[in-house]
PDB file of N, CA and C in Angstrom:
ATOM      1  N   UNK A   1       0.749  -1.247  -0.040  1.00  0.00           N
ATOM      2  CA  UNK A   1      -0.076   0.008   0.025  1.00  0.00           C
ATOM      3  C   UNK A   1       0.784   1.141   0.021  1.00  0.00           C
ATOM      4  N   UNK A   2       0.754   2.087  -0.971  1.00  0.00           N
ATOM      5  CA  UNK A   2       1.627   3.235  -0.857  1.00  0.00           C
ATOM      6  C   UNK A   2       1.025   4.244   0.005  1.00  0.00           C
ATOM      7  N   UNK A   3       1.889   5.394   0.156  1.00  0.00           N
ATOM      8  CA  UNK A   3       1.435   6.356   1.089  1.00  0.00           C
ATOM      9  C   UNK A   3       0.294   7.081   0.642  1.00  0.00           C
ATOM     10  N   UNK A   4      -0.031   7.343  -0.610  1.00  0.00           N
ATOM     11  CA  UNK A   4      -1.263   7.992  -1.150  1.00  0.00           C
ATOM     12  C   UNK A   4      -2.338   7.126  -0.826  1.00  0.00           C
ATOM     13  N   UNK A   5      -2.365   6.065  -0.979  1.00  0.00           N
ATOM     14  CA  UNK A   5      -3.458   5.254  -0.827  1.00  0.00           C
ATOM     15  C   UNK A   5      -4.119   4.915   0.555  1.00  0.00           C
ATOM     16  N   UNK A   6      -3.100   5.168   1.520  1.00  0.00           N
ATOM     17  CA  UNK A   6      -3.825   5.245   2.877  1.00  0.00           C
ATOM     18  C   UNK A   6      -3.979   6.668   3.530  1.00  0.00           C
ATOM     19  N   UNK A   7      -3.889   7.601   2.573  1.00  0.00           N
ATOM     20  CA  UNK A   7      -4.034   9.074   3.269  1.00  0.00           C
ATOM     21  C   UNK A   7      -5.683   9.194   3.119  1.00  0.00           C
ATOM     22  N   UNK A   8      -6.376   9.432   4.117  1.00  0.00           N
ATOM     23  CA  UNK A   8      -7.876   9.668   4.081  1.00  0.00           C
ATOM     24  C   UNK A   8      -8.340  11.196   3.784  1.00  0.00           C
ATOM     25  N   UNK A   9      -7.509  12.032   4.506  1.00  0.00           N
ATOM     26  CA  UNK A   9      -7.947  13.459   4.674  1.00  0.00           C
ATOM     27  C   UNK A   9      -6.639  14.109   5.010  1.00  0.00           C
ATOM     28  N   UNK A  10      -6.518  15.393   4.477  1.00  0.00           N
ATOM     29  CA  UNK A  10      -5.359  16.248   4.828  1.00  0.00           C
ATOM     30  C   UNK A  10      -5.822  17.743   5.184  1.00  0.00           C
ATOM     31  N   UNK A  11      -5.350  18.275   6.122  1.00  0.00           N
ATOM     32  CA  UNK A  11      -5.604  19.697   6.493  1.00  0.00           C
ATOM     33  C   UNK A  11      -4.257  20.514   6.545  1.00  0.00           C
ATOM     34  N   UNK A  12      -4.002  21.572   5.717  1.00  0.00           N
ATOM     35  CA  UNK A  12      -2.881  22.367   5.846  1.00  0.00           C
ATOM     36  C   UNK A  12      -3.167  23.484   6.377  1.00  0.00           C
ATOM     37  N   UNK A  13      -2.154  23.831   7.402  1.00  0.00           N
ATOM     38  CA  UNK A  13      -2.260  25.215   8.248  1.00  0.00           C
ATOM     39  C   UNK A  13      -0.963  25.971   8.262  1.00  0.00           C
ATOM     40  N   UNK A  14      -1.206  27.018   7.394  1.00  0.00           N
ATOM     41  CA  UNK A  14       0.105  28.042   7.219  1.00  0.00           C
ATOM     42  C   UNK A  14       0.078  28.867   8.437  1.00  0.00           C
ATOM     43  N   UNK A  15       1.255  29.025   8.929  1.00  0.00           N
ATOM     44  CA  UNK A  15       1.376  30.073  10.281  1.00  0.00           C
ATOM     45  C   UNK A  15       2.532  30.448  10.289  1.00  0.00           C
ATOM     46  N   UNK A  16       2.907  31.713   9.549  1.00  0.00           N
ATOM     47  CA  UNK A  16       4.082  32.434   9.528  1.00  0.00           C
ATOM     48  C   UNK A  16       5.091  31.662   8.879  1.00  0.00           C
ATOM     49  N   UNK A  17       6.280  31.483   9.107  1.00  0.00           N
ATOM     50  CA  UNK A  17       7.251  30.792   8.664  1.00  0.00           C
ATOM     51  C   UNK A  17       7.146  29.093   8.787  1.00  0.00           C
ATOM     52  N   UNK A  18       6.225  28.700   9.413  1.00  0.00           N
ATOM     53  CA  UNK A  18       5.873  27.192   9.488  1.00  0.00           C
ATOM     54  C   UNK A  18       4.713  26.961   8.877  1.00  0.00           C
ATOM     55  N   UNK A  19       4.572  25.635   8.394  1.00  0.00           N
ATOM     56  CA  UNK A  19       3.349  24.968   7.702  1.00  0.00           C
ATOM     57  C   UNK A  19       2.994  23.810   8.573  1.00  0.00           C
ATOM     58  N   UNK A  20       1.966  23.624   9.005  1.00  0.00           N
ATOM     59  CA  UNK A  20       1.464  22.342   9.600  1.00  0.00           C
ATOM     60  C   UNK A  20       0.379  21.495   8.807  1.00  0.00           C
ATOM     61  N   UNK A  21       0.753  20.066   8.894  1.00  0.00           N
ATOM     62  CA  UNK A  21       0.185  19.202   7.990  1.00  0.00           C
ATOM     63  C   UNK A  21      -0.721  18.525   9.180  1.00  0.00           C
ATOM     64  N   UNK A  22      -2.200  18.218   9.079  1.00  0.00           N
ATOM     65  CA  UNK A  22      -2.729  17.477   9.653  1.00  0.00           C
ATOM     66  C   UNK A  22      -3.207  16.296   8.982  1.00  0.00           C
ATOM     67  N   UNK A  23      -2.885  14.927   8.943  1.00  0.00           N
ATOM     68  CA  UNK A  23      -3.271  14.050   7.985  1.00  0.00           C
ATOM     69  C   UNK A  23      -3.800  12.828   8.747  1.00  0.00           C
ATOM     70  N   UNK A  24      -5.139  12.583   8.071  1.00  0.00           N
ATOM     71  CA  UNK A  24      -5.638  11.140   8.830  1.00  0.00           C
ATOM     72  C   UNK A  24      -5.392  10.113   7.719  1.00  0.00           C
ATOM     73  N   UNK A  25      -4.805   9.041   8.215  1.00  0.00           N
ATOM     74  CA  UNK A  25      -4.329   7.817   7.305  1.00  0.00           C
ATOM     75  C   UNK A  25      -4.894   6.829   7.948  1.00  0.00           C
ATOM     76  N   UNK A  26      -4.957   5.621   7.224  1.00  0.00           N
ATOM     77  CA  UNK A  26      -5.394   4.263   7.581  1.00  0.00           C
ATOM     78  C   UNK A  26      -4.487   3.169   7.582  1.00  0.00           C
ATOM     79  N   UNK A  27      -4.180   2.283   8.494  1.00  0.00           N
ATOM     80  CA  UNK A  27      -3.516   1.260   8.467  1.00  0.00           C
ATOM     81  C   UNK A  27      -3.858   0.060   7.342  1.00  0.00           C
ATOM     82  N   UNK A  28      -3.353  -1.002   7.254  1.00  0.00           N
ATOM     83  CA  UNK A  28      -3.946  -2.062   6.368  1.00  0.00           C
ATOM     84  C   UNK A  28      -4.919  -2.841   7.074  1.00  0.00           C
ATOM     85  N   UNK A  29      -5.382  -2.503   8.492  1.00  0.00           N
ATOM     86  CA  UNK A  29      -6.379  -3.081   9.081  1.00  0.00           C
ATOM     87  C   UNK A  29      -7.441  -2.182   9.197  1.00  0.00           C
ATOM     88  N   UNK A  30      -7.300  -1.030   8.601  1.00  0.00           N
ATOM     89  CA  UNK A  30      -8.323   0.096   8.406  1.00  0.00           C
ATOM     90  C   UNK A  30      -8.418   0.781   9.769  1.00  0.00           C
ATOM     91  N   UNK A  31      -7.423   0.748  10.587  1.00  0.00           N
ATOM     92  CA  UNK A  31      -7.309   1.648  11.713  1.00  0.00           C
ATOM     93  C   UNK A  31      -7.015   2.885  11.410  1.00  0.00           C
ATOM     94  N   UNK A  32      -7.518   4.215  11.884  1.00  0.00           N
ATOM     95  CA  UNK A  32      -7.421   5.395  11.531  1.00  0.00           C
ATOM     96  C   UNK A  32      -6.065   5.880  12.648  1.00  0.00           C
ATOM     97  N   UNK A  33      -5.313   6.886  12.029  1.00  0.00           N
ATOM     98  CA  UNK A  33      -4.346   7.383  12.909  1.00  0.00           C
ATOM     99  C   UNK A  33      -4.131   8.679  12.140  1.00  0.00           C
ATOM    100  N   UNK A  34      -3.391   9.565  13.139  1.00  0.00           N
ATOM    101  CA  UNK A  34      -3.043  10.846  12.681  1.00  0.00           C
ATOM    102  C   UNK A  34      -1.599  11.252  12.474  1.00  0.00           C
ATOM    103  N   UNK A  35      -1.200  11.813  11.551  1.00  0.00           N
ATOM    104  CA  UNK A  35       0.065  12.447  11.526  1.00  0.00           C
ATOM    105  C   UNK A  35       0.188  13.889  11.536  1.00  0.00           C
ATOM    106  N   UNK A  36       0.855  14.396  12.529  1.00  0.00           N
ATOM    107  CA  UNK A  36       1.069  16.016  12.563  1.00  0.00           C
ATOM    108  C   UNK A  36       2.444  16.134  12.111  1.00  0.00           C
ATOM    109  N   UNK A  37       2.569  17.096  11.085  1.00  0.00           N
ATOM    110  CA  UNK A  37       3.908  17.457  10.624  1.00  0.00           C
ATOM    111  C   UNK A  37       4.068  19.040  10.590  1.00  0.00           C
ATOM    112  N   UNK A  38       5.188  19.278  11.170  1.00  0.00           N
ATOM    113  CA  UNK A  38       5.698  20.787  11.215  1.00  0.00           C
ATOM    114  C   UNK A  38       6.559  20.835  10.053  1.00  0.00           C
ATOM    115  N   UNK A  39       6.560  21.689   9.022  1.00  0.00           N
ATOM    116  CA  UNK A  39       7.450  22.068   8.066  1.00  0.00           C
ATOM    117  C   UNK A  39       8.055  23.434   8.095  1.00  0.00           C
ATOM    118  N   UNK A  40       9.353  23.610   8.072  1.00  0.00           N
ATOM    119  CA  UNK A  40       9.747  24.930   8.276  1.00  0.00           C
ATOM    120  C   UNK A  40      10.980  25.123   7.224  1.00  0.00           C
ATOM    121  N   UNK A  41      10.845  26.195   6.266  1.00  0.00           N
ATOM    122  CA  UNK A  41      12.054  26.441   5.407  1.00  0.00           C
ATOM    123  C   UNK A  41      13.347  26.919   6.309  1.00  0.00           C
ATOM    124  N   UNK A  42      14.487  26.406   5.862  1.00  0.00           N
ATOM    125  CA  UNK A  42      15.611  26.813   6.428  1.00  0.00           C
ATOM    126  C   UNK A  42      16.560  27.018   5.333  1.00  0.00           C
ATOM    127  N   UNK A  43      17.642  27.970   5.452  1.00  0.00           N
ATOM    128  CA  UNK A  43      18.593  28.201   4.406  1.00  0.00           C
ATOM    129  C   UNK A  43      19.850  27.883   4.886  1.00  0.00           C
ATOM    130  N   UNK A  44      20.659  27.216   3.887  1.00  0.00           N
ATOM    131  CA  UNK A  44      21.977  26.686   4.186  1.00  0.00           C
ATOM    132  C   UNK A  44      23.044  27.989   4.171  1.00  0.00           C
ATOM    133  N   UNK A  45      24.274  27.663   4.202  1.00  0.00           N
ATOM    134  CA  UNK A  45      25.244  28.705   4.281  1.00  0.00           C
ATOM    135  C   UNK A  45      25.386  29.393   2.846  1.00  0.00           C
ATOM    136  N   UNK A  46      24.834  28.591   1.860  1.00  0.00           N
ATOM    137  CA  UNK A  46      24.999  29.255   0.491  1.00  0.00           C
ATOM    138  C   UNK A  46      23.757  29.876   0.042  1.00  0.00           C
ATOM    139  N   UNK A  47      22.801  29.766   0.824  1.00  0.00           N
ATOM    140  CA  UNK A  47      21.352  30.555   0.430  1.00  0.00           C
ATOM    141  C   UNK A  47      20.576  29.464  -0.098  1.00  0.00           C
ATOM    142  N   UNK A  48      20.745  28.238  -0.136  1.00  0.00           N
ATOM    143  CA  UNK A  48      19.815  27.182  -0.764  1.00  0.00           C
ATOM    144  C   UNK A  48      18.786  26.852   0.272  1.00  0.00           C
ATOM    145  N   UNK A  49      17.661  26.722  -0.188  1.00  0.00           N
ATOM    146  CA  UNK A  49      16.534  26.496   0.621  1.00  0.00           C
ATOM    147  C   UNK A  49      16.321  25.098   0.973  1.00  0.00           C
ATOM    148  N   UNK A  50      16.006  24.644   2.196  1.00  0.00           N
ATOM    149  CA  UNK A  50      15.665  23.149   2.643  1.00  0.00           C
ATOM    150  C   UNK A  50      14.454  23.198   3.535  1.00  0.00           C
ATOM    151  N   UNK A  51      13.615  22.187   3.553  1.00  0.00           N
ATOM    152  CA  UNK A  51      12.590  22.099   4.377  1.00  0.00           C
ATOM    153  C   UNK A  51      13.131  21.131   5.577  1.00  0.00           C
ATOM    154  N   UNK A  52      12.868  21.511   6.803  1.00  0.00           N
ATOM    155  CA  UNK A  52      12.955  20.789   8.007  1.00  0.00           C
ATOM    156  C   UNK A  52      11.534  20.447   8.313  1.00  0.00           C
ATOM    157  N   UNK A  53      11.612  18.999   8.626  1.00  0.00           N
ATOM    158  CA  UNK A  53      10.375  18.589   8.995  1.00  0.00           C
ATOM    159  C   UNK A  53      10.360  17.648  10.324  1.00  0.00           C
ATOM    160  N   UNK A  54       9.193  17.900  11.048  1.00  0.00           N
ATOM    161  CA  UNK A  54       9.175  17.054  12.300  1.00  0.00           C
ATOM    162  C   UNK A  54       7.900  16.427  12.270  1.00  0.00           C
ATOM    163  N   UNK A  55       7.750  15.036  12.552  1.00  0.00           N
ATOM    164  CA  UNK A  55       6.318  14.402  12.424  1.00  0.00           C
ATOM    165  C   UNK A  55       6.126  13.754  13.691  1.00  0.00           C
ATOM    166  N   UNK A  56       5.025  13.692  14.175  1.00  0.00           N
ATOM    167  CA  UNK A  56       4.356  13.112  15.405  1.00  0.00           C
ATOM    168  C   UNK A  56       3.228  12.067  14.800  1.00  0.00           C
ATOM    169  N   UNK A  57       3.339  10.778  15.264  1.00  0.00           N
ATOM    170  CA  UNK A  57       2.220  10.096  14.866  1.00  0.00           C
ATOM    171  C   UNK A  57       1.157   9.730  16.057  1.00  0.00           C
ATOM    172  N   UNK A  58      -0.016  10.075  16.029  1.00  0.00           N
ATOM    173  CA  UNK A  58      -1.120  10.006  16.991  1.00  0.00           C
ATOM    174  C   UNK A  58      -2.100   8.836  16.588  1.00  0.00           C
ATOM    175  N   UNK A  59      -1.993   7.765  17.428  1.00  0.00           N
ATOM    176  CA  UNK A  59      -2.858   6.553  17.343  1.00  0.00           C
ATOM    177  C   UNK A  59      -4.106   6.619  17.744  1.00  0.00           C
ATOM    178  N   UNK A  60      -5.088   5.888  17.553  1.00  0.00           N
ATOM    179  CA  UNK A  60      -6.456   5.993  17.970  1.00  0.00           C
ATOM    180  C   UNK A  60      -6.595   5.878  19.287  1.00  0.00           C
ATOM    181  N   UNK A  61      -5.869   5.143  20.142  1.00  0.00           N
ATOM    182  CA  UNK A  61      -6.091   4.791  21.386  1.00  0.00           C
ATOM    183  C   UNK A  61      -5.465   6.023  22.305  1.00  0.00           C
ATOM    184  N   UNK A  62      -4.911   6.801  21.594  1.00  0.00           N
ATOM    185  CA  UNK A  62      -4.513   8.017  22.226  1.00  0.00           C
ATOM    186  C   UNK A  62      -5.334   9.593  21.907  1.00  0.00           C
ATOM    187  N   UNK A  63      -6.029   9.243  20.962  1.00  0.00           N
ATOM    188  CA  UNK A  63      -6.891  10.577  20.598  1.00  0.00           C
ATOM    189  C   UNK A  63      -7.391  11.498  21.694  1.00  0.00           C
ATOM    190  N   UNK A  64      -8.117  10.736  22.483  1.00  0.00           N
ATOM    191  CA  UNK A  64      -8.948  11.484  23.731  1.00  0.00           C
ATOM    192  C   UNK A  64      -7.938  12.071  24.622  1.00  0.00           C
ATOM    193  N   UNK A  65      -6.789  11.492  25.047  1.00  0.00           N
ATOM    194  CA  UNK A  65      -5.972  11.983  25.966  1.00  0.00           C
ATOM    195  C   UNK A  65      -5.087  13.064  25.123  1.00  0.00           C
ATOM    196  N   UNK A  66      -4.908  12.982  24.135  1.00  0.00           N
ATOM    197  CA  UNK A  66      -4.093  13.964  23.284  1.00  0.00           C
ATOM    198  C   UNK A  66      -5.015  15.268  23.300  1.00  0.00           C
ATOM    199  N   UNK A  67      -6.333  15.129  22.946  1.00  0.00           N
ATOM    200  CA  UNK A  67      -7.404  16.175  23.051  1.00  0.00           C
ATOM    201  C   UNK A  67      -7.461  16.956  24.298  1.00  0.00           C
ATOM    202  N   UNK A  68      -7.574  15.913  25.297  1.00  0.00           N
ATOM    203  CA  UNK A  68      -7.676  16.509  26.635  1.00  0.00           C
ATOM    204  C   UNK A  68      -6.362  17.234  27.003  1.00  0.00           C
ATOM    205  N   UNK A  69      -5.271  16.822  26.655  1.00  0.00           N
ATOM    206  CA  UNK A  69      -4.142  17.421  27.303  1.00  0.00           C
ATOM    207  C   UNK A  69      -3.982  19.110  26.360  1.00  0.00           C
ATOM    208  N   UNK A  70      -4.239  18.907  24.923  1.00  0.00           N
ATOM    209  CA  UNK A  70      -4.117  20.270  24.135  1.00  0.00           C
ATOM    210  C   UNK A  70      -5.278  21.100  24.742  1.00  0.00           C
ATOM    211  N   UNK A  71      -6.393  20.629  24.832  1.00  0.00           N
ATOM    212  CA  UNK A  71      -7.590  21.714  25.375  1.00  0.00           C
ATOM    213  C   UNK A  71      -7.175  22.125  26.956  1.00  0.00           C
ATOM    214  N   UNK A  72      -6.645  21.426  27.685  1.00  0.00           N
ATOM    215  CA  UNK A  72      -6.181  22.012  28.937  1.00  0.00           C
ATOM    216  C   UNK A  72      -5.002  22.858  28.917  1.00  0.00           C
ATOM    217  N   UNK A  73      -3.971  22.854  27.839  1.00  0.00           N
ATOM    218  CA  UNK A  73      -2.972  23.959  27.998  1.00  0.00           C
ATOM    219  C   UNK A  73      -3.521  25.115  27.249  1.00  0.00           C
ATOM    220  N   UNK A  74      -4.311  24.962  26.093  1.00  0.00           N
ATOM    221  CA  UNK A  74      -4.865  26.015  25.545  1.00  0.00           C
ATOM    222  C   UNK A  74      -5.873  27.021  26.418  1.00  0.00           C
ATOM    223  N   UNK A  75      -6.706  26.134  27.525  1.00  0.00           N
ATOM    224  CA  UNK A  75      -7.354  27.061  28.207  1.00  0.00           C
ATOM    225  C   UNK A  75      -6.409  27.592  29.300  1.00  0.00           C
ATOM    226  N   UNK A  76      -5.336  27.058  29.744  1.00  0.00           N
ATOM    227  CA  UNK A  76      -4.345  27.651  30.568  1.00  0.00           C
ATOM    228  C   UNK A  76      -3.825  28.880  30.058  1.00  0.00           C
ATOM    229  N   UNK A  77      -3.463  28.865  28.841  1.00  0.00           N
ATOM    230  CA  UNK A  77      -2.966  29.894  27.897  1.00  0.00           C
ATOM    231  C   UNK A  77      -3.977  31.071  28.130  1.00  0.00           C
ATOM    232  N   UNK A  78      -5.194  30.880  27.689  1.00  0.00           N
ATOM    233  CA  UNK A  78      -6.326  31.842  27.897  1.00  0.00           C
ATOM    234  C   UNK A  78      -6.277  32.558  29.194  1.00  0.00           C
ATOM    235  N   UNK A  79      -6.219  31.582  30.152  1.00  0.00           N
ATOM    236  CA  UNK A  79      -6.196  32.032  31.589  1.00  0.00           C
ATOM    237  C   UNK A  79      -5.131  32.996  31.839  1.00  0.00           C
ATOM    238  N   UNK A  80      -4.127  32.515  31.451  1.00  0.00           N
ATOM    239  CA  UNK A  80      -2.768  33.322  31.805  1.00  0.00           C
ATOM    240  C   UNK A  80      -2.823  34.802  31.174  1.00  0.00           C
ATOM    241  N   UNK A  81      -3.223  34.831  30.049  1.00  0.00           N
ATOM    242  CA  UNK A  81      -3.423  35.853  29.153  1.00  0.00           C
ATOM    243  C   UNK A  81      -4.272  36.760  29.662  1.00  0.00           C
ATOM    244  N   UNK A  82      -5.466  36.373  30.166  1.00  0.00           N
ATOM    245  CA  UNK A  82      -6.348  37.187  30.875  1.00  0.00           C
ATOM    246  C   UNK A  82      -5.931  37.837  32.130  1.00  0.00           C
ATOM    247  N   UNK A  83      -4.944  37.246  32.813  1.00  0.00           N
ATOM    248  CA  UNK A  83      -4.495  37.827  34.009  1.00  0.00           C
ATOM    249  C   UNK A  83      -3.525  38.842  33.879  1.00  0.00           C
ATOM    250  N   UNK A  84      -3.057  38.963  32.698  1.00  0.00           N
ATOM    251  CA  UNK A  84      -1.855  39.827  32.298  1.00  0.00           C
ATOM    252  C   UNK A  84      -2.356  41.192  32.433  1.00  0.00           C
TER     253      UNK A  84
END
């Protein structure tokens, strides 16, 4: 199964110098998982552009805990900003 065949959905988020990719993929057993990729353009000593990528795989058994953790830290950021 090629990479394109197991990709179900992709969302691209451009945020300043970084681009984030949220991809839903499926395993051979049709279980869904998410890959989160951060891509950032960097420049070498001679000015040539390269893309630096970091990828996280998030599996279905972790979806809810990940969401809870993300919701918690985003709520804390909102709280801290409102106290400034």
